[in-house]
PDB file of all heavy atoms in Angstrom:
ATOM      1  N   ALA A   1     -55.742  34.416 -22.774  1.00  0.00           N
ATOM      2  CA  ALA A   1     -57.174  34.054 -22.828  1.00  0.00           C
ATOM      3  C   ALA A   1     -57.590  33.422 -21.470  1.00  0.00           C
ATOM      4  O   ALA A   1     -56.842  32.664 -20.829  1.00  0.00           O
ATOM      5  CB  ALA A   1     -57.329  32.935 -23.861  1.00  0.00           C
ATOM      6  N   GLY A   2     -58.762  33.810 -20.965  1.00  0.00           N
ATOM      7  CA  GLY A   2     -59.250  33.390 -19.671  1.00  0.00           C
ATOM      8  C   GLY A   2     -58.898  34.201 -18.532  1.00  0.00           C
ATOM      9  O   GLY A   2     -59.522  34.103 -17.476  1.00  0.00           O
ATOM     10  N   ALA A   3     -57.794  35.032 -18.643  1.00  0.00           N
ATOM     11  CA  ALA A   3     -57.407  35.857 -17.525  1.00  0.00           C
ATOM     12  C   ALA A   3     -58.372  37.111 -17.498  1.00  0.00           C
ATOM     13  O   ALA A   3     -58.644  37.697 -18.513  1.00  0.00           O
ATOM     14  CB  ALA A   3     -55.987  36.303 -17.739  1.00  0.00           C
ATOM     15  N   LEU A   4     -58.781  37.508 -16.209  1.00  0.00           N
ATOM     16  CA  LEU A   4     -59.732  38.576 -16.131  1.00  0.00           C
ATOM     17  C   LEU A   4     -58.930  39.867 -15.648  1.00  0.00           C
ATOM     18  O   LEU A   4     -58.230  39.901 -14.699  1.00  0.00           O
ATOM     19  CB  LEU A   4     -60.765  38.309 -14.997  1.00  0.00           C
ATOM     20  CG  LEU A   4     -61.678  37.015 -15.365  1.00  0.00           C
ATOM     21  CD1 LEU A   4     -62.637  36.855 -14.225  1.00  0.00           C
ATOM     22  CD2 LEU A   4     -62.335  37.166 -16.732  1.00  0.00           C
ATOM     23  N   PRO A   5     -59.062  40.923 -16.419  1.00  0.00           N
ATOM     24  CA  PRO A   5     -58.404  42.224 -16.081  1.00  0.00           C
ATOM     25  C   PRO A   5     -59.028  42.740 -14.778  1.00  0.00           C
ATOM     26  O   PRO A   5     -60.234  42.732 -14.571  1.00  0.00           O
ATOM     27  CB  PRO A   5     -58.797  43.106 -17.255  1.00  0.00           C
ATOM     28  CG  PRO A   5     -59.122  42.215 -18.446  1.00  0.00           C
ATOM     29  CD  PRO A   5     -59.718  41.049 -17.754  1.00  0.00           C
ATOM     30  N   THR A   6     -58.099  43.140 -13.840  1.00  0.00           N
ATOM     31  CA  THR A   6     -58.511  43.676 -12.545  1.00  0.00           C
ATOM     32  C   THR A   6     -57.842  45.133 -12.452  1.00  0.00           C
ATOM     33  O   THR A   6     -56.651  45.282 -12.773  1.00  0.00           O
ATOM     34  CB  THR A   6     -57.978  42.867 -11.414  1.00  0.00           C
ATOM     35  OG1 THR A   6     -58.622  41.595 -11.517  1.00  0.00           O
ATOM     36  CG2 THR A   6     -58.457  43.453 -10.119  1.00  0.00           C
ATOM     37  N   PHE A   7     -58.589  46.094 -12.197  1.00  0.00           N
ATOM     38  CA  PHE A   7     -58.170  47.512 -12.049  1.00  0.00           C
ATOM     39  C   PHE A   7     -58.283  47.994 -10.695  1.00  0.00           C
ATOM     40  O   PHE A   7     -59.309  47.695  -9.892  1.00  0.00           O
ATOM     41  CB  PHE A   7     -59.029  48.430 -12.961  1.00  0.00           C
ATOM     42  CG  PHE A   7     -59.197  47.927 -14.358  1.00  0.00           C
ATOM     43  CD1 PHE A   7     -60.230  47.218 -14.815  1.00  0.00           C
ATOM     44  CD2 PHE A   7     -58.152  48.191 -15.236  1.00  0.00           C
ATOM     45  CE1 PHE A   7     -60.295  46.751 -16.146  1.00  0.00           C
ATOM     46  CE2 PHE A   7     -58.122  47.864 -16.595  1.00  0.00           C
ATOM     47  CZ  PHE A   7     -59.266  47.108 -17.021  1.00  0.00           C
ATOM     48  N   THR A   8     -57.183  48.602 -10.168  1.00  0.00           N
ATOM     49  CA  THR A   8     -57.179  49.200  -8.885  1.00  0.00           C
ATOM     50  C   THR A   8     -57.442  50.694  -9.101  1.00  0.00           C
ATOM     51  O   THR A   8     -56.783  51.391  -9.844  1.00  0.00           O
ATOM     52  CB  THR A   8     -55.760  49.018  -8.227  1.00  0.00           C
ATOM     53  OG1 THR A   8     -55.545  47.584  -8.102  1.00  0.00           O
ATOM     54  CG2 THR A   8     -55.752  49.700  -6.906  1.00  0.00           C
ATOM     55  N   ILE A   9     -58.509  51.091  -8.350  1.00  0.00           N
ATOM     56  CA  ILE A   9     -58.815  52.511  -8.445  1.00  0.00           C
ATOM     57  C   ILE A   9     -58.642  53.142  -7.112  1.00  0.00           C
ATOM     58  O   ILE A   9     -58.806  52.625  -6.077  1.00  0.00           O
ATOM     59  CB  ILE A   9     -60.300  52.714  -8.838  1.00  0.00           C
ATOM     60  CG1 ILE A   9     -61.284  52.026  -7.813  1.00  0.00           C
ATOM     61  CG2 ILE A   9     -60.582  52.149 -10.260  1.00  0.00           C
ATOM     62  CD1 ILE A   9     -62.729  52.317  -8.171  1.00  0.00           C
ATOM     63  N   ARG A  10     -58.149  54.319  -7.232  1.00  0.00           N
ATOM     64  CA  ARG A  10     -57.759  55.147  -5.957  1.00  0.00           C
ATOM     65  C   ARG A  10     -58.363  56.523  -6.097  1.00  0.00           C
ATOM     66  O   ARG A  10     -58.266  57.194  -7.020  1.00  0.00           O
ATOM     67  CB  ARG A  10     -56.280  55.231  -5.852  1.00  0.00           C
ATOM     68  CG  ARG A  10     -55.757  55.940  -4.662  1.00  0.00           C
ATOM     69  CD  ARG A  10     -54.253  55.784  -4.654  1.00  0.00           C
ATOM     70  NE  ARG A  10     -53.651  56.552  -3.567  1.00  0.00           N
ATOM     71  CZ  ARG A  10     -53.430  56.074  -2.316  1.00  0.00           C
ATOM     72  NH1 ARG A  10     -53.620  54.784  -2.150  1.00  0.00           N
ATOM     73  NH2 ARG A  10     -52.874  56.766  -1.403  1.00  0.00           N
ATOM     74  N   ILE A  11     -59.164  56.883  -5.031  1.00  0.00           N
ATOM     75  CA  ILE A  11     -59.926  58.142  -4.923  1.00  0.00           C
ATOM     76  C   ILE A  11     -59.348  58.948  -3.794  1.00  0.00           C
ATOM     77  O   ILE A  11     -59.423  58.409  -2.709  1.00  0.00           O
ATOM     78  CB  ILE A  11     -61.476  57.944  -4.769  1.00  0.00           C
ATOM     79  CG1 ILE A  11     -62.004  57.145  -5.942  1.00  0.00           C
ATOM     80  CG2 ILE A  11     -62.121  59.267  -4.713  1.00  0.00           C
ATOM     81  CD1 ILE A  11     -63.370  56.638  -5.634  1.00  0.00           C
ATOM     82  N   THR A  12     -58.824  60.144  -4.080  1.00  0.00           N
ATOM     83  CA  THR A  12     -58.172  60.850  -3.049  1.00  0.00           C
ATOM     84  C   THR A  12     -58.802  62.223  -2.906  1.00  0.00           C
ATOM     85  O   THR A  12     -59.162  62.958  -3.943  1.00  0.00           O
ATOM     86  CB  THR A  12     -56.628  61.110  -3.423  1.00  0.00           C
ATOM     87  OG1 THR A  12     -56.002  59.808  -3.631  1.00  0.00           O
ATOM     88  CG2 THR A  12     -55.887  61.858  -2.274  1.00  0.00           C
ATOM     89  N   ASN A  13     -58.995  62.673  -1.653  1.00  0.00           N
ATOM     90  CA  ASN A  13     -59.412  64.076  -1.373  1.00  0.00           C
ATOM     91  C   ASN A  13     -58.236  64.946  -1.397  1.00  0.00           C
ATOM     92  O   ASN A  13     -57.390  64.877  -0.497  1.00  0.00           O
ATOM     93  CB  ASN A  13     -60.021  64.131   0.045  1.00  0.00           C
ATOM     94  CG  ASN A  13     -60.558  65.521   0.432  1.00  0.00           C
ATOM     95  OD1 ASN A  13     -60.373  66.426  -0.351  1.00  0.00           O
ATOM     96  ND2 ASN A  13     -60.997  65.694   1.629  1.00  0.00           N
ATOM     97  N   THR A  14     -58.051  65.745  -2.451  1.00  0.00           N
ATOM     98  CA  THR A  14     -56.927  66.600  -2.638  1.00  0.00           C
ATOM     99  C   THR A  14     -57.282  68.014  -2.033  1.00  0.00           C
ATOM    100  O   THR A  14     -56.423  68.882  -2.080  1.00  0.00           O
ATOM    101  CB  THR A  14     -56.563  66.756  -4.087  1.00  0.00           C
ATOM    102  OG1 THR A  14     -57.676  67.264  -4.866  1.00  0.00           O
ATOM    103  CG2 THR A  14     -56.169  65.394  -4.632  1.00  0.00           C
ATOM    104  N   GLY A  15     -58.520  68.219  -1.502  1.00  0.00           N
ATOM    105  CA  GLY A  15     -58.813  69.475  -0.901  1.00  0.00           C
ATOM    106  C   GLY A  15     -58.264  69.676   0.466  1.00  0.00           C
ATOM    107  O   GLY A  15     -57.608  68.824   1.068  1.00  0.00           O
ATOM    108  N   GLY A  16     -58.671  70.799   1.067  1.00  0.00           N
ATOM    109  CA  GLY A  16     -58.201  71.195   2.427  1.00  0.00           C
ATOM    110  C   GLY A  16     -59.086  70.817   3.574  1.00  0.00           C
ATOM    111  O   GLY A  16     -58.781  71.059   4.658  1.00  0.00           O
ATOM    112  N   THR A  17     -60.278  70.322   3.321  1.00  0.00           N
ATOM    113  CA  THR A  17     -61.202  69.978   4.313  1.00  0.00           C
ATOM    114  C   THR A  17     -61.779  68.662   4.128  1.00  0.00           C
ATOM    115  O   THR A  17     -61.829  68.104   2.954  1.00  0.00           O
ATOM    116  CB  THR A  17     -62.427  71.037   4.360  1.00  0.00           C
ATOM    117  OG1 THR A  17     -63.060  70.915   3.114  1.00  0.00           O
ATOM    118  CG2 THR A  17     -61.910  72.420   4.583  1.00  0.00           C
ATOM    119  N   THR A  18     -62.290  68.001   5.184  1.00  0.00           N
ATOM    120  CA  THR A  18     -62.938  66.681   5.090  1.00  0.00           C
ATOM    121  C   THR A  18     -64.184  66.942   4.362  1.00  0.00           C
ATOM    122  O   THR A  18     -64.958  67.830   4.548  1.00  0.00           O
ATOM    123  CB  THR A  18     -63.239  66.193   6.583  1.00  0.00           C
ATOM    124  OG1 THR A  18     -62.008  66.054   7.267  1.00  0.00           O
ATOM    125  CG2 THR A  18     -64.011  64.930   6.529  1.00  0.00           C
ATOM    126  N   CYS A  19     -64.474  65.898   3.482  1.00  0.00           N
ATOM    127  CA  CYS A  19     -65.698  66.016   2.684  1.00  0.00           C
ATOM    128  C   CYS A  19     -66.278  64.633   2.472  1.00  0.00           C
ATOM    129  O   CYS A  19     -65.672  63.535   2.646  1.00  0.00           O
ATOM    130  CB  CYS A  19     -65.470  66.730   1.359  1.00  0.00           C
ATOM    131  SG  CYS A  19     -64.299  65.794   0.331  1.00  0.00           S
ATOM    132  N   LEU A  20     -67.516  64.530   1.858  1.00  0.00           N
ATOM    133  CA  LEU A  20     -68.326  63.366   1.712  1.00  0.00           C
ATOM    134  C   LEU A  20     -68.383  63.176   0.178  1.00  0.00           C
ATOM    135  O   LEU A  20     -68.782  64.084  -0.562  1.00  0.00           O
ATOM    136  CB  LEU A  20     -69.632  63.557   2.382  1.00  0.00           C
ATOM    137  CG  LEU A  20     -70.528  62.297   2.455  1.00  0.00           C
ATOM    138  CD1 LEU A  20     -69.919  61.247   3.287  1.00  0.00           C
ATOM    139  CD2 LEU A  20     -71.974  62.688   3.055  1.00  0.00           C
ATOM    140  N   LEU A  21     -68.276  61.876  -0.246  1.00  0.00           N
ATOM    141  CA  LEU A  21     -68.257  61.562  -1.655  1.00  0.00           C
ATOM    142  C   LEU A  21     -69.072  60.313  -1.876  1.00  0.00           C
ATOM    143  O   LEU A  21     -68.706  59.277  -1.285  1.00  0.00           O
ATOM    144  CB  LEU A  21     -66.918  61.492  -2.210  1.00  0.00           C
ATOM    145  CG  LEU A  21     -66.665  61.069  -3.701  1.00  0.00           C
ATOM    146  CD1 LEU A  21     -67.243  62.217  -4.560  1.00  0.00           C
ATOM    147  CD2 LEU A  21     -65.299  60.720  -4.036  1.00  0.00           C
ATOM    148  N   ASP A  22     -70.070  60.339  -2.766  1.00  0.00           N
ATOM    149  CA  ASP A  22     -70.755  59.038  -3.193  1.00  0.00           C
ATOM    150  C   ASP A  22     -69.932  58.410  -4.227  1.00  0.00           C
ATOM    151  O   ASP A  22     -69.822  58.865  -5.372  1.00  0.00           O
ATOM    152  CB  ASP A  22     -72.135  59.347  -3.577  1.00  0.00           C
ATOM    153  CG  ASP A  22     -72.942  58.069  -3.985  1.00  0.00           C
ATOM    154  OD1 ASP A  22     -72.284  56.924  -3.820  1.00  0.00           O
ATOM    155  OD2 ASP A  22     -74.067  58.186  -4.384  1.00  0.00           O
ATOM    156  N   ALA A  23     -69.283  57.309  -3.857  1.00  0.00           N
ATOM    157  CA  ALA A  23     -68.394  56.540  -4.807  1.00  0.00           C
ATOM    158  C   ALA A  23     -68.996  55.167  -5.221  1.00  0.00           C
ATOM    159  O   ALA A  23     -68.310  54.218  -5.506  1.00  0.00           O
ATOM    160  CB  ALA A  23     -67.027  56.417  -4.268  1.00  0.00           C
ATOM    161  N   GLY A  24     -70.377  55.095  -5.090  1.00  0.00           N
ATOM    162  CA  GLY A  24     -71.029  53.875  -5.372  1.00  0.00           C
ATOM    163  C   GLY A  24     -70.970  53.437  -6.818  1.00  0.00           C
ATOM    164  O   GLY A  24     -70.478  54.226  -7.629  1.00  0.00           O
ATOM    165  N   ASP A  25     -71.276  52.165  -7.106  1.00  0.00           N
ATOM    166  CA  ASP A  25     -71.119  51.638  -8.424  1.00  0.00           C
ATOM    167  C   ASP A  25     -71.946  52.428  -9.518  1.00  0.00           C
ATOM    168  O   ASP A  25     -71.542  52.473 -10.704  1.00  0.00           O
ATOM    169  CB  ASP A  25     -71.533  50.169  -8.513  1.00  0.00           C
ATOM    170  CG  ASP A  25     -70.627  49.295  -7.761  1.00  0.00           C
ATOM    171  OD1 ASP A  25     -69.486  49.698  -7.515  1.00  0.00           O
ATOM    172  OD2 ASP A  25     -71.024  48.134  -7.438  1.00  0.00           O
ATOM    173  N   ALA A  26     -72.991  53.047  -9.082  1.00  0.00           N
ATOM    174  CA  ALA A  26     -73.808  53.810 -10.134  1.00  0.00           C
ATOM    175  C   ALA A  26     -73.131  55.210 -10.329  1.00  0.00           C
ATOM    176  O   ALA A  26     -73.360  55.799 -11.398  1.00  0.00           O
ATOM    177  CB  ALA A  26     -75.232  54.065  -9.604  1.00  0.00           C
ATOM    178  N   GLN A  27     -72.246  55.638  -9.499  1.00  0.00           N
ATOM    179  CA  GLN A  27     -71.592  56.957  -9.681  1.00  0.00           C
ATOM    180  C   GLN A  27     -70.210  56.773 -10.228  1.00  0.00           C
ATOM    181  O   GLN A  27     -69.757  57.697 -10.948  1.00  0.00           O
ATOM    182  CB  GLN A  27     -71.526  57.624  -8.289  1.00  0.00           C
ATOM    183  CG  GLN A  27     -72.829  57.788  -7.589  1.00  0.00           C
ATOM    184  CD  GLN A  27     -73.865  58.618  -8.281  1.00  0.00           C
ATOM    185  OE1 GLN A  27     -73.569  59.491  -9.016  1.00  0.00           O
ATOM    186  NE2 GLN A  27     -75.067  58.152  -8.268  1.00  0.00           N
ATOM    187  N   ARG A  28     -69.451  55.756  -9.839  1.00  0.00           N
ATOM    188  CA  ARG A  28     -68.109  55.592 -10.254  1.00  0.00           C
ATOM    189  C   ARG A  28     -68.076  54.611 -11.499  1.00  0.00           C
ATOM    190  O   ARG A  28     -68.581  53.536 -11.355  1.00  0.00           O
ATOM    191  CB  ARG A  28     -67.368  54.967  -9.060  1.00  0.00           C
ATOM    192  CG  ARG A  28     -65.878  54.628  -9.429  1.00  0.00           C
ATOM    193  CD  ARG A  28     -65.386  53.643  -8.306  1.00  0.00           C
ATOM    194  NE  ARG A  28     -65.962  52.352  -8.497  1.00  0.00           N
ATOM    195  CZ  ARG A  28     -66.461  51.604  -7.462  1.00  0.00           C
ATOM    196  NH1 ARG A  28     -66.392  52.033  -6.232  1.00  0.00           N
ATOM    197  NH2 ARG A  28     -67.003  50.413  -7.766  1.00  0.00           N
ATOM    198  N   GLN A  29     -67.561  55.055 -12.604  1.00  0.00           N
ATOM    199  CA  GLN A  29     -67.636  54.308 -13.798  1.00  0.00           C
ATOM    200  C   GLN A  29     -66.171  54.028 -14.325  1.00  0.00           C
ATOM    201  O   GLN A  29     -65.338  54.828 -14.438  1.00  0.00           O
ATOM    202  CB  GLN A  29     -68.347  55.083 -14.880  1.00  0.00           C
ATOM    203  CG  GLN A  29     -68.420  54.293 -16.248  1.00  0.00           C
ATOM    204  CD  GLN A  29     -69.047  55.161 -17.405  1.00  0.00           C
ATOM    205  OE1 GLN A  29     -68.440  56.156 -17.716  1.00  0.00           O
ATOM    206  NE2 GLN A  29     -70.174  54.655 -17.834  1.00  0.00           N
TER     207      GLN A  29
END
């Protein structure tokens, strides 16, 4: 009781080229 769950999220580019990703709070759930 009272302890707040904290989640570690990891996003990895598994492709073969550099790319751009919107990982803002409205996109990442």
